[in-house]
Amino acid sequence: MDSKPVVKHSALDKFKHDITPGRITYIIKGFTNLVNLIEPMKYFEWGEDVSVEKLQEGFTNVFESTFDSPEGWDAYLTHPTHLECGNELLSTLEKILFIYYKPSRII
């Protein structure tokens, strides 16, 4: 079992109604590429809400990133390319919710 600590970052997003699918794809590609540019960032996944429960409170998308350590997360926060992508994303959103966590497992 890998005992190295990791940190995960999840962002629930609700895009503004006038944001085109092409612009959303452009933003997602930018975040996907961060894995190639920011060494402590190990994974990036995203998806659209497919719930039939209708409990998502308007959030339509989720972005989840995995970092190799809390220090890696700190490096990501101040990386210029992340700041650029983040500002682009924020300009397209009606609302966002961030959750940062260290995964736990029950053995």
PDB file of N, CA and C in Angstrom:
ATOM      1  N   MET A   1       0.846  -1.189   0.000  1.00  0.00           N
ATOM      2  CA  MET A   1       0.000   0.000   0.000  1.00  0.00           C
ATOM      3  C   MET A   1       0.880   1.238   0.000  1.00  0.00           C
ATOM      4  N   ASP A   2       0.542   2.214  -0.804  1.00  0.00           N
ATOM      5  CA  ASP A   2       1.290   3.465  -0.905  1.00  0.00           C
ATOM      6  C   ASP A   2       0.976   4.315   0.315  1.00  0.00           C
ATOM      7  N   SER A   3       1.996   4.622   1.120  1.00  0.00           N
ATOM      8  CA  SER A   3       1.772   5.398   2.330  1.00  0.00           C
ATOM      9  C   SER A   3       2.071   6.877   2.132  1.00  0.00           C
ATOM     10  N   LYS A   4       2.480   7.261   0.931  1.00  0.00           N
ATOM     11  CA  LYS A   4       2.779   8.648   0.664  1.00  0.00           C
ATOM     12  C   LYS A   4       1.491   9.483   0.745  1.00  0.00           C
ATOM     13  N   PRO A   5       1.522  10.581   1.504  1.00  0.00           N
ATOM     14  CA  PRO A   5       0.303  11.375   1.628  1.00  0.00           C
ATOM     15  C   PRO A   5      -0.069  12.048   0.316  1.00  0.00           C
ATOM     16  N   VAL A   6      -1.318  12.087   0.027  1.00  0.00           N
ATOM     17  CA  VAL A   6      -1.812  12.818  -1.133  1.00  0.00           C
ATOM     18  C   VAL A   6      -2.881  13.802  -0.663  1.00  0.00           C
ATOM     19  N   VAL A   7      -3.108  14.782  -1.476  1.00  0.00           N
ATOM     20  CA  VAL A   7      -4.153  15.762  -1.222  1.00  0.00           C
ATOM     21  C   VAL A   7      -5.015  15.814  -2.471  1.00  0.00           C
ATOM     22  N   LYS A   8      -6.323  15.854  -2.276  1.00  0.00           N
ATOM     23  CA  LYS A   8      -7.247  15.959  -3.405  1.00  0.00           C
ATOM     24  C   LYS A   8      -7.985  17.293  -3.317  1.00  0.00           C
ATOM     25  N   HIS A   9      -8.292  17.792  -4.487  1.00  0.00           N
ATOM     26  CA  HIS A   9      -9.026  19.050  -4.598  1.00  0.00           C
ATOM     27  C   HIS A   9     -10.195  18.807  -5.533  1.00  0.00           C
ATOM     28  N   SER A  10     -11.390  19.034  -5.051  1.00  0.00           N
ATOM     29  CA  SER A  10     -12.590  18.906  -5.875  1.00  0.00           C
ATOM     30  C   SER A  10     -13.249  20.265  -5.999  1.00  0.00           C
ATOM     31  N   ALA A  11     -13.699  20.571  -7.191  1.00  0.00           N
ATOM     32  CA  ALA A  11     -14.419  21.816  -7.447  1.00  0.00           C
ATOM     33  C   ALA A  11     -15.732  21.465  -8.122  1.00  0.00           C
ATOM     34  N   LEU A  12     -16.827  21.842  -7.490  1.00  0.00           N
ATOM     35  CA  LEU A  12     -18.142  21.718  -8.104  1.00  0.00           C
ATOM     36  C   LEU A  12     -18.435  23.040  -8.790  1.00  0.00           C
ATOM     37  N   ASP A  13     -18.819  22.977 -10.050  1.00  0.00           N
ATOM     38  CA  ASP A  13     -18.977  24.181 -10.855  1.00  0.00           C
ATOM     39  C   ASP A  13     -20.370  24.282 -11.445  1.00  0.00           C
ATOM     40  N   LYS A  14     -20.835  25.521 -11.559  1.00  0.00           N
ATOM     41  CA  LYS A  14     -22.043  25.807 -12.329  1.00  0.00           C
ATOM     42  C   LYS A  14     -21.672  26.907 -13.315  1.00  0.00           C
ATOM     43  N   PHE A  15     -21.612  26.553 -14.583  1.00  0.00           N
ATOM     44  CA  PHE A  15     -21.269  27.520 -15.607  1.00  0.00           C
ATOM     45  C   PHE A  15     -22.437  28.471 -15.862  1.00  0.00           C
ATOM     46  N   LYS A  16     -22.098  29.704 -16.233  1.00  0.00           N
ATOM     47  CA  LYS A  16     -23.125  30.664 -16.627  1.00  0.00           C
ATOM     48  C   LYS A  16     -23.847  30.123 -17.855  1.00  0.00           C
ATOM     49  N   HIS A  17     -25.109  30.499 -18.001  1.00  0.00           N
ATOM     50  CA  HIS A  17     -25.937  29.959 -19.090  1.00  0.00           C
ATOM     51  C   HIS A  17     -25.441  30.327 -20.480  1.00  0.00           C
ATOM     52  N   ASP A  18     -24.729  31.451 -20.609  1.00  0.00           N
ATOM     53  CA  ASP A  18     -24.301  31.880 -21.942  1.00  0.00           C
ATOM     54  C   ASP A  18     -22.916  31.361 -22.333  1.00  0.00           C
ATOM     55  N   ILE A  19     -22.320  30.499 -21.518  1.00  0.00           N
ATOM     56  CA  ILE A  19     -21.007  29.938 -21.837  1.00  0.00           C
ATOM     57  C   ILE A  19     -21.192  28.780 -22.818  1.00  0.00           C
ATOM     58  N   THR A  20     -20.497  28.844 -23.935  1.00  0.00           N
ATOM     59  CA  THR A  20     -20.673  27.840 -24.989  1.00  0.00           C
ATOM     60  C   THR A  20     -19.955  26.536 -24.628  1.00  0.00           C
ATOM     61  N   PRO A  21     -20.422  25.419 -25.162  1.00  0.00           N
ATOM     62  CA  PRO A  21     -19.718  24.151 -24.961  1.00  0.00           C
ATOM     63  C   PRO A  21     -18.260  24.210 -25.415  1.00  0.00           C
ATOM     64  N   GLY A  22     -17.982  24.953 -26.487  1.00  0.00           N
ATOM     65  CA  GLY A  22     -16.611  25.083 -26.965  1.00  0.00           C
ATOM     66  C   GLY A  22     -15.713  25.774 -25.950  1.00  0.00           C
ATOM     67  N   ARG A  23     -16.224  26.782 -25.288  1.00  0.00           N
ATOM     68  CA  ARG A  23     -15.421  27.470 -24.264  1.00  0.00           C
ATOM     69  C   ARG A  23     -15.199  26.567 -23.063  1.00  0.00           C
ATOM     70  N   ILE A  24     -16.207  25.804 -22.686  1.00  0.00           N
ATOM     71  CA  ILE A  24     -16.046  24.854 -21.572  1.00  0.00           C
ATOM     72  C   ILE A  24     -14.973  23.828 -21.923  1.00  0.00           C
ATOM     73  N   THR A  25     -14.998  23.312 -23.137  1.00  0.00           N
ATOM     74  CA  THR A  25     -13.981  22.348 -23.581  1.00  0.00           C
ATOM     75  C   THR A  25     -12.591  22.976 -23.537  1.00  0.00           C
ATOM     76  N   TYR A  26     -12.471  24.214 -23.970  1.00  0.00           N
ATOM     77  CA  TYR A  26     -11.191  24.926 -23.937  1.00  0.00           C
ATOM     78  C   TYR A  26     -10.661  25.012 -22.500  1.00  0.00           C
ATOM     79  N   ILE A  27     -11.523  25.347 -21.557  1.00  0.00           N
ATOM     80  CA  ILE A  27     -11.128  25.462 -20.143  1.00  0.00           C
ATOM     81  C   ILE A  27     -10.700  24.105 -19.603  1.00  0.00           C
ATOM     82  N   ILE A  28     -11.466  23.073 -19.900  1.00  0.00           N
ATOM     83  CA  ILE A  28     -11.135  21.731 -19.416  1.00  0.00           C
ATOM     84  C   ILE A  28      -9.788  21.279 -19.974  1.00  0.00           C
ATOM     85  N   LYS A  29      -9.530  21.543 -21.252  1.00  0.00           N
ATOM     86  CA  LYS A  29      -8.231  21.173 -21.838  1.00  0.00           C
ATOM     87  C   LYS A  29      -7.090  21.904 -21.137  1.00  0.00           C
ATOM     88  N   GLY A  30      -7.316  23.153 -20.756  1.00  0.00           N
ATOM     89  CA  GLY A  30      -6.294  23.904 -20.033  1.00  0.00           C
ATOM     90  C   GLY A  30      -5.970  23.268 -18.693  1.00  0.00           C
ATOM     91  N   PHE A  31      -6.997  22.870 -17.947  1.00  0.00           N
ATOM     92  CA  PHE A  31      -6.765  22.220 -16.662  1.00  0.00           C
ATOM     93  C   PHE A  31      -6.146  20.834 -16.847  1.00  0.00           C
ATOM     94  N   THR A  32      -6.560  20.112 -17.853  1.00  0.00           N
ATOM     95  CA  THR A  32      -5.985  18.800 -18.127  1.00  0.00           C
ATOM     96  C   THR A  32      -4.492  18.908 -18.387  1.00  0.00           C
ATOM     97  N   ASN A  33      -4.069  19.949 -19.083  1.00  0.00           N
ATOM     98  CA  ASN A  33      -2.659  20.133 -19.413  1.00  0.00           C
ATOM     99  C   ASN A  33      -1.812  20.501 -18.192  1.00  0.00           C
ATOM    100  N   LEU A  34      -2.426  20.982 -17.122  1.00  0.00           N
ATOM    101  CA  LEU A  34      -1.654  21.345 -15.927  1.00  0.00           C
ATOM    102  C   LEU A  34      -0.879  20.154 -15.373  1.00  0.00           C
ATOM    103  N   VAL A  35      -1.395  18.951 -15.562  1.00  0.00           N
ATOM    104  CA  VAL A  35      -0.693  17.747 -15.097  1.00  0.00           C
ATOM    105  C   VAL A  35       0.684  17.645 -15.759  1.00  0.00           C
ATOM    106  N   ASN A  36       0.810  18.132 -16.970  1.00  0.00           N
ATOM    107  CA  ASN A  36       2.087  18.103 -17.690  1.00  0.00           C
ATOM    108  C   ASN A  36       3.025  19.244 -17.283  1.00  0.00           C
ATOM    109  N   LEU A  37       2.479  20.257 -16.655  1.00  0.00           N
ATOM    110  CA  LEU A  37       3.258  21.458 -16.355  1.00  0.00           C
ATOM    111  C   LEU A  37       3.617  21.616 -14.880  1.00  0.00           C
ATOM    112  N   ILE A  38       2.818  21.023 -14.005  1.00  0.00           N
ATOM    113  CA  ILE A  38       3.016  21.190 -12.560  1.00  0.00           C
ATOM    114  C   ILE A  38       3.310  19.820 -11.977  1.00  0.00           C
ATOM    115  N   GLU A  39       4.574  19.559 -11.674  1.00  0.00           N
ATOM    116  CA  GLU A  39       5.033  18.223 -11.299  1.00  0.00           C
ATOM    117  C   GLU A  39       4.268  17.599 -10.120  1.00  0.00           C
ATOM    118  N   PRO A  40       3.949  18.325  -9.059  1.00  0.00           N
ATOM    119  CA  PRO A  40       3.242  17.680  -7.946  1.00  0.00           C
ATOM    120  C   PRO A  40       1.786  17.293  -8.255  1.00  0.00           C
ATOM    121  N   MET A  41       1.246  17.816  -9.345  1.00  0.00           N
ATOM    122  CA  MET A  41      -0.128  17.485  -9.744  1.00  0.00           C
ATOM    123  C   MET A  41      -0.086  16.164 -10.498  1.00  0.00           C
ATOM    124  N   LYS A  42      -0.666  15.129  -9.924  1.00  0.00           N
ATOM    125  CA  LYS A  42      -0.550  13.784 -10.487  1.00  0.00           C
ATOM    126  C   LYS A  42      -1.727  13.386 -11.369  1.00  0.00           C
ATOM    127  N   TYR A  43      -2.924  13.846 -11.051  1.00  0.00           N
ATOM    128  CA  TYR A  43      -4.110  13.456 -11.815  1.00  0.00           C
ATOM    129  C   TYR A  43      -5.078  14.619 -11.900  1.00  0.00           C
ATOM    130  N   PHE A  44      -5.817  14.655 -12.992  1.00  0.00           N
ATOM    131  CA  PHE A  44      -6.940  15.570 -13.155  1.00  0.00           C
ATOM    132  C   PHE A  44      -8.059  14.796 -13.819  1.00  0.00           C
ATOM    133  N   GLU A  45      -9.217  14.831 -13.204  1.00  0.00           N
ATOM    134  CA  GLU A  45     -10.414  14.199 -13.773  1.00  0.00           C
ATOM    135  C   GLU A  45     -11.545  15.209 -13.724  1.00  0.00           C
ATOM    136  N   TRP A  46     -12.488  15.051 -14.622  1.00  0.00           N
ATOM    137  CA  TRP A  46     -13.642  15.934 -14.628  1.00  0.00           C
ATOM    138  C   TRP A  46     -14.843  15.172 -15.154  1.00  0.00           C
ATOM    139  N   GLY A  47     -15.999  15.712 -14.903  1.00  0.00           N
ATOM    140  CA  GLY A  47     -17.205  15.105 -15.431  1.00  0.00           C
ATOM    141  C   GLY A  47     -18.404  16.023 -15.264  1.00  0.00           C
ATOM    142  N   GLU A  48     -19.451  15.687 -15.993  1.00  0.00           N
ATOM    143  CA  GLU A  48     -20.718  16.408 -15.895  1.00  0.00           C
ATOM    144  C   GLU A  48     -21.658  15.624 -14.998  1.00  0.00           C
ATOM    145  N   ASP A  49     -22.506  16.350 -14.295  1.00  0.00           N
ATOM    146  CA  ASP A  49     -23.479  15.711 -13.415  1.00  0.00           C
ATOM    147  C   ASP A  49     -24.444  14.844 -14.217  1.00  0.00           C
ATOM    148  N   VAL A  50     -24.651  13.617 -13.756  1.00  0.00           N
ATOM    149  CA  VAL A  50     -25.596  12.709 -14.403  1.00  0.00           C
ATOM    150  C   VAL A  50     -26.627  12.172 -13.408  1.00  0.00           C
ATOM    151  N   SER A  51     -26.719  12.813 -12.259  1.00  0.00           N
ATOM    152  CA  SER A  51     -27.608  12.350 -11.206  1.00  0.00           C
ATOM    153  C   SER A  51     -29.077  12.503 -11.588  1.00  0.00           C
ATOM    154  N   VAL A  52     -29.864  11.510 -11.231  1.00  0.00           N
ATOM    155  CA  VAL A  52     -31.310  11.596 -11.415  1.00  0.00           C
ATOM    156  C   VAL A  52     -31.985  12.073 -10.133  1.00  0.00           C
ATOM    157  N   GLU A  53     -31.214  12.222  -9.062  1.00  0.00           N
ATOM    158  CA  GLU A  53     -31.776  12.634  -7.768  1.00  0.00           C
ATOM    159  C   GLU A  53     -32.095  14.126  -7.696  1.00  0.00           C
ATOM    160  N   LYS A  54     -31.462  14.917  -8.546  1.00  0.00           N
ATOM    161  CA  LYS A  54     -31.676  16.365  -8.591  1.00  0.00           C
ATOM    162  C   LYS A  54     -31.333  17.040  -7.264  1.00  0.00           C
ATOM    163  N   LEU A  55     -30.244  16.601  -6.635  1.00  0.00           N
ATOM    164  CA  LEU A  55     -29.803  17.169  -5.365  1.00  0.00           C
ATOM    165  C   LEU A  55     -28.514  17.992  -5.524  1.00  0.00           C
ATOM    166  N   GLN A  56     -28.117  18.282  -6.743  1.00  0.00           N
ATOM    167  CA  GLN A  56     -26.839  18.930  -7.003  1.00  0.00           C
ATOM    168  C   GLN A  56     -26.866  20.450  -6.828  1.00  0.00           C
ATOM    169  N   GLU A  57     -28.005  21.015  -6.480  1.00  0.00           N
ATOM    170  CA  GLU A  57     -28.143  22.445  -6.202  1.00  0.00           C
ATOM    171  C   GLU A  57     -27.616  23.325  -7.339  1.00  0.00           C
ATOM    172  N   GLY A  58     -27.813  22.873  -8.558  1.00  0.00           N
ATOM    173  CA  GLY A  58     -27.433  23.669  -9.719  1.00  0.00           C
ATOM    174  C   GLY A  58     -26.032  23.420 -10.239  1.00  0.00           C
ATOM    175  N   PHE A  59     -25.183  22.733  -9.470  1.00  0.00           N
ATOM    176  CA  PHE A  59     -23.836  22.441  -9.952  1.00  0.00           C
ATOM    177  C   PHE A  59     -23.931  21.451 -11.107  1.00  0.00           C
ATOM    178  N   THR A  60     -23.159  21.706 -12.140  1.00  0.00           N
ATOM    179  CA  THR A  60     -23.264  20.901 -13.357  1.00  0.00           C
ATOM    180  C   THR A  60     -22.019  20.081 -13.657  1.00  0.00           C
ATOM    181  N   ASN A  61     -20.876  20.489 -13.123  1.00  0.00           N
ATOM    182  CA  ASN A  61     -19.610  19.830 -13.437  1.00  0.00           C
ATOM    183  C   ASN A  61     -18.775  19.665 -12.177  1.00  0.00           C
ATOM    184  N   VAL A  62     -17.858  18.711 -12.226  1.00  0.00           N
ATOM    185  CA  VAL A  62     -16.890  18.539 -11.145  1.00  0.00           C
ATOM    186  C   VAL A  62     -15.507  18.392 -11.762  1.00  0.00           C
ATOM    187  N   PHE A  63     -14.539  19.043 -11.138  1.00  0.00           N
ATOM    188  CA  PHE A  63     -13.124  18.890 -11.473  1.00  0.00           C
ATOM    189  C   PHE A  63     -12.452  18.322 -10.233  1.00  0.00           C
ATOM    190  N   GLU A  64     -11.629  17.290 -10.399  1.00  0.00           N
ATOM    191  CA  GLU A  64     -10.903  16.742  -9.258  1.00  0.00           C
ATOM    192  C   GLU A  64      -9.440  16.549  -9.620  1.00  0.00           C
ATOM    193  N   SER A  65      -8.568  17.085  -8.762  1.00  0.00           N
ATOM    194  CA  SER A  65      -7.127  16.983  -8.951  1.00  0.00           C
ATOM    195  C   SER A  65      -6.517  16.263  -7.764  1.00  0.00           C
ATOM    196  N   THR A  66      -5.445  15.513  -8.034  1.00  0.00           N
ATOM    197  CA  THR A  66      -4.710  14.805  -6.986  1.00  0.00           C
ATOM    198  C   THR A  66      -3.274  15.314  -6.991  1.00  0.00           C
ATOM    199  N   PHE A  67      -2.766  15.592  -5.789  1.00  0.00           N
ATOM    200  CA  PHE A  67      -1.415  16.116  -5.605  1.00  0.00           C
ATOM    201  C   PHE A  67      -0.613  15.175  -4.732  1.00  0.00           C
ATOM    202  N   ASP A  68       0.696  15.164  -4.944  1.00  0.00           N
ATOM    203  CA  ASP A  68       1.552  14.204  -4.251  1.00  0.00           C
ATOM    204  C   ASP A  68       1.772  14.521  -2.774  1.00  0.00           C
ATOM    205  N   SER A  69       1.454  15.732  -2.340  1.00  0.00           N
ATOM    206  CA  SER A  69       1.675  16.116  -0.952  1.00  0.00           C
ATOM    207  C   SER A  69       0.996  17.454  -0.681  1.00  0.00           C
ATOM    208  N   PRO A  70       0.838  17.809   0.587  1.00  0.00           N
ATOM    209  CA  PRO A  70       0.331  19.154   0.888  1.00  0.00           C
ATOM    210  C   PRO A  70       1.233  20.249   0.314  1.00  0.00           C
ATOM    211  N   GLU A  71       2.544  20.011   0.297  1.00  0.00           N
ATOM    212  CA  GLU A  71       3.462  20.985  -0.283  1.00  0.00           C
ATOM    213  C   GLU A  71       3.263  21.103  -1.797  1.00  0.00           C
ATOM    214  N   GLY A  72       2.938  19.985  -2.431  1.00  0.00           N
ATOM    215  CA  GLY A  72       2.629  20.014  -3.855  1.00  0.00           C
ATOM    216  C   GLY A  72       1.394  20.840  -4.145  1.00  0.00           C
ATOM    217  N   TRP A  73       0.419  20.721  -3.266  1.00  0.00           N
ATOM    218  CA  TRP A  73      -0.797  21.538  -3.389  1.00  0.00           C
ATOM    219  C   TRP A  73      -0.450  23.021  -3.285  1.00  0.00           C
ATOM    220  N   ASP A  74       0.429  23.350  -2.330  1.00  0.00           N
ATOM    221  CA  ASP A  74       0.856  24.742  -2.157  1.00  0.00           C
ATOM    222  C   ASP A  74       1.539  25.266  -3.421  1.00  0.00           C
ATOM    223  N   ALA A  75       2.390  24.444  -4.035  1.00  0.00           N
ATOM    224  CA  ALA A  75       3.083  24.853  -5.262  1.00  0.00           C
ATOM    225  C   ALA A  75       2.084  25.094  -6.393  1.00  0.00           C
ATOM    226  N   TYR A  76       1.080  24.263  -6.488  1.00  0.00           N
ATOM    227  CA  TYR A  76       0.036  24.396  -7.514  1.00  0.00           C
ATOM    228  C   TYR A  76      -0.710  25.719  -7.359  1.00  0.00           C
ATOM    229  N   LEU A  77      -1.031  26.062  -6.114  1.00  0.00           N
ATOM    230  CA  LEU A  77      -1.829  27.271  -5.867  1.00  0.00           C
ATOM    231  C   LEU A  77      -1.192  28.530  -6.428  1.00  0.00           C
ATOM    232  N   THR A  78       0.131  28.602  -6.413  1.00  0.00           N
ATOM    233  CA  THR A  78       0.817  29.814  -6.844  1.00  0.00           C
ATOM    234  C   THR A  78       1.449  29.697  -8.234  1.00  0.00           C
ATOM    235  N   HIS A  79       1.283  28.556  -8.875  1.00  0.00           N
ATOM    236  CA  HIS A  79       1.871  28.370 -10.206  1.00  0.00           C
ATOM    237  C   HIS A  79       1.186  29.321 -11.203  1.00  0.00           C
ATOM    238  N   PRO A  80       1.949  30.066 -11.982  1.00  0.00           N
ATOM    239  CA  PRO A  80       1.364  31.049 -12.906  1.00  0.00           C
ATOM    240  C   PRO A  80       0.353  30.463 -13.894  1.00  0.00           C
ATOM    241  N   THR A  81       0.604  29.267 -14.412  1.00  0.00           N
ATOM    242  CA  THR A  81      -0.335  28.676 -15.370  1.00  0.00           C
ATOM    243  C   THR A  81      -1.636  28.283 -14.685  1.00  0.00           C
ATOM    244  N   HIS A  82      -1.556  27.794 -13.446  1.00  0.00           N
ATOM    245  CA  HIS A  82      -2.781  27.503 -12.695  1.00  0.00           C
ATOM    246  C   HIS A  82      -3.570  28.781 -12.459  1.00  0.00           C
ATOM    247  N   LEU A  83      -2.888  29.852 -12.085  1.00  0.00           N
ATOM    248  CA  LEU A  83      -3.576  31.127 -11.842  1.00  0.00           C
ATOM    249  C   LEU A  83      -4.280  31.612 -13.107  1.00  0.00           C
ATOM    250  N   GLU A  84      -3.623  31.459 -14.239  1.00  0.00           N
ATOM    251  CA  GLU A  84      -4.221  31.854 -15.517  1.00  0.00           C
ATOM    252  C   GLU A  84      -5.465  31.005 -15.825  1.00  0.00           C
ATOM    253  N   CYS A  85      -5.339  29.690 -15.690  1.00  0.00           N
ATOM    254  CA  CYS A  85      -6.482  28.795 -15.947  1.00  0.00           C
ATOM    255  C   CYS A  85      -7.603  29.062 -14.952  1.00  0.00           C
ATOM    256  N   GLY A  86      -7.234  29.261 -13.700  1.00  0.00           N
ATOM    257  CA  GLY A  86      -8.235  29.516 -12.665  1.00  0.00           C
ATOM    258  C   GLY A  86      -9.016  30.792 -12.929  1.00  0.00           C
ATOM    259  N   ASN A  87      -8.336  31.847 -13.329  1.00  0.00           N
ATOM    260  CA  ASN A  87      -9.035  33.097 -13.632  1.00  0.00           C
ATOM    261  C   ASN A  87      -9.964  32.939 -14.826  1.00  0.00           C
ATOM    262  N   GLU A  88      -9.524  32.185 -15.830  1.00  0.00           N
ATOM    263  CA  GLU A  88     -10.375  31.905 -16.993  1.00  0.00           C
ATOM    264  C   GLU A  88     -11.631  31.153 -16.556  1.00  0.00           C
ATOM    265  N   LEU A  89     -11.439  30.123 -15.726  1.00  0.00           N
ATOM    266  CA  LEU A  89     -12.577  29.347 -15.229  1.00  0.00           C
ATOM    267  C   LEU A  89     -13.532  30.223 -14.428  1.00  0.00           C
ATOM    268  N   LEU A  90     -13.004  30.964 -13.476  1.00  0.00           N
ATOM    269  CA  LEU A  90     -13.858  31.778 -12.603  1.00  0.00           C
ATOM    270  C   LEU A  90     -14.698  32.778 -13.382  1.00  0.00           C
ATOM    271  N   SER A  91     -14.176  33.280 -14.487  1.00  0.00           N
ATOM    272  CA  SER A  91     -14.934  34.256 -15.285  1.00  0.00           C
ATOM    273  C   SER A  91     -16.145  33.635 -15.978  1.00  0.00           C
ATOM    274  N   THR A  92     -16.200  32.302 -16.040  1.00  0.00           N
ATOM    275  CA  THR A  92     -17.300  31.617 -16.738  1.00  0.00           C
ATOM    276  C   THR A  92     -18.331  31.018 -15.789  1.00  0.00           C
ATOM    277  N   LEU A  93     -18.105  31.154 -14.485  1.00  0.00           N
ATOM    278  CA  LEU A  93     -18.939  30.447 -13.518  1.00  0.00           C
ATOM    279  C   LEU A  93     -19.989  31.332 -12.858  1.00  0.00           C
ATOM    280  N   GLU A  94     -21.131  30.713 -12.629  1.00  0.00           N
ATOM    281  CA  GLU A  94     -22.161  31.342 -11.802  1.00  0.00           C
ATOM    282  C   GLU A  94     -21.871  31.084 -10.331  1.00  0.00           C
ATOM    283  N   LYS A  95     -21.397  29.851 -10.032  1.00  0.00           N
ATOM    284  CA  LYS A  95     -21.002  29.540  -8.659  1.00  0.00           C
ATOM    285  C   LYS A  95     -20.033  28.366  -8.663  1.00  0.00           C
ATOM    286  N   ILE A  96     -19.294  28.265  -7.546  1.00  0.00           N
ATOM    287  CA  ILE A  96     -18.292  27.217  -7.402  1.00  0.00           C
ATOM    288  C   ILE A  96     -18.203  26.841  -5.929  1.00  0.00           C
ATOM    289  N   LEU A  97     -17.868  25.587  -5.686  1.00  0.00           N
ATOM    290  CA  LEU A  97     -17.660  25.083  -4.325  1.00  0.00           C
ATOM    291  C   LEU A  97     -16.389  24.248  -4.347  1.00  0.00           C
ATOM    292  N   PHE A  98     -15.427  24.589  -3.485  1.00  0.00           N
ATOM    293  CA  PHE A  98     -14.167  23.864  -3.393  1.00  0.00           C
ATOM    294  C   PHE A  98     -14.154  22.978  -2.157  1.00  0.00           C
ATOM    295  N   ILE A  99     -13.580  21.800  -2.306  1.00  0.00           N
ATOM    296  CA  ILE A  99     -13.323  20.910  -1.175  1.00  0.00           C
ATOM    297  C   ILE A  99     -11.906  20.381  -1.338  1.00  0.00           C
ATOM    298  N   TYR A 100     -11.123  20.507  -0.273  1.00  0.00           N
ATOM    299  CA  TYR A 100      -9.761  19.997  -0.242  1.00  0.00           C
ATOM    300  C   TYR A 100      -9.733  18.912   0.828  1.00  0.00           C
ATOM    301  N   TYR A 101      -9.138  17.766   0.520  1.00  0.00           N
ATOM    302  CA  TYR A 101      -9.141  16.705   1.525  1.00  0.00           C
ATOM    303  C   TYR A 101      -7.991  15.747   1.326  1.00  0.00           C
ATOM    304  N   LYS A 102      -7.681  15.057   2.411  1.00  0.00           N
ATOM    305  CA  LYS A 102      -6.718  13.956   2.389  1.00  0.00           C
ATOM    306  C   LYS A 102      -7.553  12.685   2.438  1.00  0.00           C
ATOM    307  N   PRO A 103      -7.477  11.853   1.411  1.00  0.00           N
ATOM    308  CA  PRO A 103      -8.300  10.652   1.373  1.00  0.00           C
ATOM    309  C   PRO A 103      -7.993   9.711   2.544  1.00  0.00           C
ATOM    310  N   SER A 104      -9.028   9.104   3.036  1.00  0.00           N
ATOM    311  CA  SER A 104      -8.899   8.098   4.102  1.00  0.00           C
ATOM    312  C   SER A 104      -9.485   6.792   3.599  1.00  0.00           C
ATOM    313  N   ARG A 105      -8.943   5.697   4.101  1.00  0.00           N
ATOM    314  CA  ARG A 105      -9.462   4.372   3.751  1.00  0.00           C
ATOM    315  C   ARG A 105      -9.707   3.602   5.031  1.00  0.00           C
ATOM    316  N   ILE A 106     -10.757   2.846   5.045  1.00  0.00           N
ATOM    317  CA  ILE A 106     -11.019   1.936   6.141  1.00  0.00           C
ATOM    318  C   ILE A 106     -10.438   0.581   5.748  1.00  0.00           C
ATOM    319  N   ILE A 107      -9.581   0.077   6.580  1.00  0.00           N
ATOM    320  CA  ILE A 107      -8.909  -1.182   6.256  1.00  0.00           C
ATOM    321  C   ILE A 107      -9.539  -2.314   7.045  1.00  0.00           C
TER     322      ILE A 107
END
